[in-house]
Amino acid sequence: MATNKTGARIWVVDDDRAVRFVLSEALRDAGYRVQAFDSARAALDASATEAAPDLVFTDVRMPGLDGLGFLDRLKRAQPELPVIVMSAYTDIASTAGAFRGGAHEFLSKPFDLDEAVALAARALPQIEAESATSEATTGDDAEILGDSPPMRELFRVIGRLAQAPLSVLITGETGTGKELVARALHRESPRARKPFVALNTAAIPAELLESELFGHEAGAFTGAHKRHVGRFEQADGGTLFLDEIGDMPAPLQTRLLRVLAESEFFRVGGRELIRVDVRVITATHQDLEARVRAGEFRADLLHRLDVVRLHLPPLRERKHDIPALAQRFLLRAGKQLGSAGKRFNADALKRLQAHDWPGNVRELENLCWRLTALVPDETIGAKDLQQALRAGPTTERRADWMLALAQETAAALAQGDRDVHAQLRESFDRVLLETALEHTAGHRQHAAEILGLGRNTLTRKLGASRSRKKS
């Protein structure tokens, strides 16, 4: 291997003649010796007679042997050979597959030639090797779509983080897809064959959250008729995703910190010490540093959770991705509702990209469900979209209902009512659940998904609400 950058041997493998030419010329101008190949097979054939390269640039999608298969062959022959993988198709499957297979770096097309030359300069002095530890994804995470610069960077980071057993804190506005990223990190990790368990800590009453996390023994409290295995035990060997971690009550923050430090706990009411091996991924839409300053969140717990932070951009900052996301959601809605696949015309797509999307990706998905159910034609136009957007939630409507809630709270307090929080929460839950079910035409699974609840949680809340209504 070359010990300095000048004169190092670099191979460029790409079936696109233009890419081969411009990249090769840029590398030659930087002082490197370059050989270009139009296929992975041609490069492998040359390896039998040519001197081994010091660095390889390879495309992913090529006829015959693709770039990831080529990467595997190269790494088996030369584990320390740095390989930079290039692709115009930036997604988690390709980026994670590249890093998992031992790629030194992932370069998204179209790329800046100066950036490519700089990558070569950084790659040559430090040879890395990573082993393959999990299978390629099946495409189930395809809803995490994006070709915008923020999403390309996110995919690169996910590809690197998936193999590291580090705690990850995912931040971003509500509806940006934090759980999807957590699932992708799990699927691309060595823990992929073990469970992925998700829990929205804000959706569980504080008095029940400890039992949900750590389980309880029979008789531990009123109503505990049998042993309950908590989410930590369910996720043993795998990944536990705790959403809305900023809402966790202070006493549970202390217990969670101890479990993260010791990897052991007792069930509620139990005497048996339970040991687990769990990777914890958390998410929040809140400013946890501000909550620490306000004394509402433990600083030491934040440090334990925030080993690596991933920030998800709001949809308004990645509008380039909206057409692909919208088409994905239309296809999914059509399959689940049993209707023909619909599509947006050009004017409708422009209207989609002009919208600010305060509800982010979740708002776009809900819109696509609504349009699939209500628009009779296969093509959705700007007029259909304008009516649906007008019918959907807006910032002004949100301000209106919050004002109404404040007025209702003030009136109840002025009348001297007791248990105001419980009364209003019951009303809120009932309206929220019934409206979501009406929106999904009674489809409970989808209603639970768009509300961020488990189906069992939705069913339980709905049953309790209807029981109180009858009484």
Foldseek 3Di string as FASTA:
>chain_A
DDQALAAFEEEEEALDPVVQVVLQVLLVVVRYHYDYYNHLVVVVVVPVPDDDGQEYEAEADDPDQGPLNSLLVVCVVPQQRAYEYEYQAQDLLVLLSCVLSFHPYYHHPPDDSVVVNVVSNVDRNDTDGHHHQADGDPCPLVLLDADDVLSSVVSNVLSVQLAPLAFEEEEEAAQLCPVSSVLSSQCSYNLNVFDEAEDAQVLDPLVCSLCQAAWAAAPLDPPRHHTDHHPQVNRFSGEYEYEAVLPHFPVVLVVVLVCLVPQWDARRVGDDIDHGDYRYYYYHHDDVVVCVVVVGHPPSSCVRNPPDYHYRYFCLVRLVRLQVSLQVLQVVLCVVVVHDRAHEDPQLSVVSSVDNPPNGSLQSSLLSNQCNVPPPDRYDYNVSSVVSVVPDDDPVVVVVVVVVVVVVLVVCVVVVHPPSVVVVVLVVLQVLLVVLCVSNVNPQCVSCVSVVHHSVSSVVSNVVSVVVVVD
